[in-house]
Each structure stands twice: as structure tokens, then as C-alpha cells.
Amino acid sequence: MLAITILGSNIHWLIIISGTLFVLLILLIGLIFTLQAFLLLWDAWIMWRRESHTLANMLTLYLGLAILILPKTSLHS
């Protein structure tokens, strides 16, 4: 609703600022999502070295790989 109001106002500086903030927010969310996957893989690597190789200890590995792989496969379908 706010986006429609801003675009309908025809105030160019407001549209540019709002659009820029929106793009930066989307990029920040994507960066956080990617960093989360790498932190999970790092945790899995530490867990793999220090503890036993059970399914419970490998859940962060599977979750980190899923976060990295699944968005790429969903783009192709």
C-alpha cells in the first residue's frame, strides 16, 4: 500500500530513495541468508572434527548444504 502511494505521488526523489532502500534491503536479506549457510557449514566442520559422526551431529551439515543447494535448484524448475 505504501509503495503504491509513493509511486503515485510522482515525487521523483522520494521514488528513487524508496527504490534504493528496497533494493538494499533485499540484498541484505540475501547476504544474511548466504552467510547463515556458510556458518552452518563451518559449525558442521568443527563438529565433524571434534565429535562422533552420528546423524545428530551432521544435521548442521545437511542444513547448510540444503540452504546452499535448494534455492539454485528451484530456479531451474
C-alpha atoms as a PDB file:
ATOM      1  CA  MET A   1       0.000   0.000   0.000  1.00  0.00           C
ATOM      2  CA  LEU A   2       2.826   2.379   0.860  1.00  0.00           C
ATOM      3  CA  ALA A   3       4.634   1.539  -2.392  1.00  0.00           C
ATOM      4  CA  ILE A   4       1.541   2.382  -4.427  1.00  0.00           C
ATOM      5  CA  THR A   5       1.217   5.699  -2.599  1.00  0.00           C
ATOM      6  CA  ILE A   6       4.882   6.564  -3.169  1.00  0.00           C
ATOM      7  CA  LEU A   7       4.767   5.631  -6.859  1.00  0.00           C
ATOM      8  CA  GLY A   8       1.505   7.501  -7.334  1.00  0.00           C
ATOM      9  CA  SER A   9       2.892  10.678  -5.780  1.00  0.00           C
ATOM     10  CA  ASN A  10       5.212  11.325  -8.766  1.00  0.00           C
ATOM     11  CA  ILE A  11       7.844  12.798  -6.426  1.00  0.00           C
ATOM     12  CA  HIS A  12      10.980  11.559  -8.168  1.00  0.00           C
ATOM     13  CA  TRP A  13      13.424  11.949  -5.287  1.00  0.00           C
ATOM     14  CA  LEU A  14      11.090  10.005  -2.981  1.00  0.00           C
ATOM     15  CA  ILE A  15      10.685   7.221  -5.550  1.00  0.00           C
ATOM     16  CA  ILE A  16      14.460   6.965  -6.051  1.00  0.00           C
ATOM     17  CA  ILE A  17      15.203   6.883  -2.309  1.00  0.00           C
ATOM     18  CA  SER A  18      12.463   4.328  -1.631  1.00  0.00           C
ATOM     19  CA  GLY A  19      13.564   2.123  -4.525  1.00  0.00           C
ATOM     20  CA  THR A  20      17.186   2.255  -3.438  1.00  0.00           C
ATOM     21  CA  LEU A  21      16.300   1.352   0.147  1.00  0.00           C
ATOM     22  CA  PHE A  22      14.152  -1.536  -1.080  1.00  0.00           C
ATOM     23  CA  VAL A  23      16.949  -2.943  -3.253  1.00  0.00           C
ATOM     24  CA  LEU A  24      19.459  -2.607  -0.397  1.00  0.00           C
ATOM     25  CA  LEU A  25      17.085  -4.412   1.956  1.00  0.00           C
ATOM     26  CA  ILE A  26      16.651  -7.289  -0.498  1.00  0.00           C
ATOM     27  CA  LEU A  27      20.439  -7.551  -0.957  1.00  0.00           C
ATOM     28  CA  LEU A  28      20.955  -7.543   2.822  1.00  0.00           C
ATOM     29  CA  ILE A  29      18.439 -10.355   3.273  1.00  0.00           C
ATOM     30  CA  GLY A  30      20.197 -12.380   0.563  1.00  0.00           C
ATOM     31  CA  LEU A  31      23.588 -11.775   2.167  1.00  0.00           C
ATOM     32  CA  ILE A  32      22.336 -12.870   5.588  1.00  0.00           C
ATOM     33  CA  PHE A  33      20.787 -15.986   4.043  1.00  0.00           C
ATOM     34  CA  THR A  34      24.078 -16.905   2.362  1.00  0.00           C
ATOM     35  CA  LEU A  35      26.168 -16.196   5.454  1.00  0.00           C
ATOM     36  CA  GLN A  36      23.845 -18.375   7.514  1.00  0.00           C
ATOM     37  CA  ALA A  37      24.559 -21.308   5.210  1.00  0.00           C
ATOM     38  CA  PHE A  38      28.324 -20.827   5.486  1.00  0.00           C
ATOM     39  CA  LEU A  39      28.142 -20.522   9.288  1.00  0.00           C
ATOM     40  CA  LEU A  40      26.204 -23.785   9.429  1.00  0.00           C
ATOM     41  CA  LEU A  41      28.826 -25.483   7.245  1.00  0.00           C
ATOM     42  CA  TRP A  42      31.599 -24.116   9.456  1.00  0.00           C
ATOM     43  CA  ASP A  43      29.812 -25.469  12.537  1.00  0.00           C
ATOM     44  CA  ALA A  44      29.416 -28.842  10.821  1.00  0.00           C
ATOM     45  CA  TRP A  45      33.137 -28.923  10.031  1.00  0.00           C
ATOM     46  CA  ILE A  46      34.018 -28.212  13.684  1.00  0.00           C
ATOM     47  CA  MET A  47      31.503 -30.811  14.853  1.00  0.00           C
ATOM     48  CA  TRP A  48      32.913 -33.367  12.387  1.00  0.00           C
ATOM     49  CA  ARG A  49      36.450 -32.929  13.758  1.00  0.00           C
ATOM     50  CA  ARG A  50      35.656 -32.860  17.479  1.00  0.00           C
ATOM     51  CA  GLU A  51      32.771 -35.273  17.961  1.00  0.00           C
ATOM     52  CA  SER A  52      31.441 -38.547  16.640  1.00  0.00           C
ATOM     53  CA  HIS A  53      29.975 -38.901  13.160  1.00  0.00           C
ATOM     54  CA  THR A  54      26.348 -39.506  14.092  1.00  0.00           C
ATOM     55  CA  LEU A  55      23.263 -38.269  12.295  1.00  0.00           C
ATOM     56  CA  ALA A  56      22.503 -35.792  15.082  1.00  0.00           C
ATOM     57  CA  ASN A  57      25.960 -34.244  14.762  1.00  0.00           C
ATOM     58  CA  MET A  58      25.641 -33.988  10.979  1.00  0.00           C
ATOM     59  CA  LEU A  59      22.334 -32.097  10.927  1.00  0.00           C
ATOM     60  CA  THR A  60      24.039 -28.720  10.568  1.00  0.00           C
ATOM     61  CA  LEU A  61      25.968 -30.086   7.583  1.00  0.00           C
ATOM     62  CA  TYR A  62      22.768 -31.218   5.889  1.00  0.00           C
ATOM     63  CA  LEU A  63      21.006 -27.957   6.709  1.00  0.00           C
ATOM     64  CA  GLY A  64      23.882 -25.821   5.422  1.00  0.00           C
ATOM     65  CA  LEU A  65      24.081 -27.801   2.184  1.00  0.00           C
ATOM     66  CA  ALA A  66      20.313 -27.622   1.736  1.00  0.00           C
ATOM     67  CA  ILE A  67      20.302 -23.844   2.176  1.00  0.00           C
ATOM     68  CA  LEU A  68      23.019 -23.507  -0.467  1.00  0.00           C
ATOM     69  CA  ILE A  69      21.678 -26.045  -2.984  1.00  0.00           C
ATOM     70  CA  LEU A  70      17.876 -25.829  -2.816  1.00  0.00           C
ATOM     71  CA  PRO A  71      17.424 -22.193  -3.934  1.00  0.00           C
ATOM     72  CA  LYS A  72      19.542 -22.906  -7.015  1.00  0.00           C
ATOM     73  CA  THR A  73      17.535 -25.996  -7.953  1.00  0.00           C
ATOM     74  CA  SER A  74      14.205 -24.225  -7.505  1.00  0.00           C
ATOM     75  CA  LEU A  75      15.225 -21.579 -10.048  1.00  0.00           C
ATOM     76  CA  HIS A  76      15.515 -24.218 -12.774  1.00  0.00           C
ATOM     77  CA  SER A  77      12.071 -25.752 -12.310  1.00  0.00           C
END
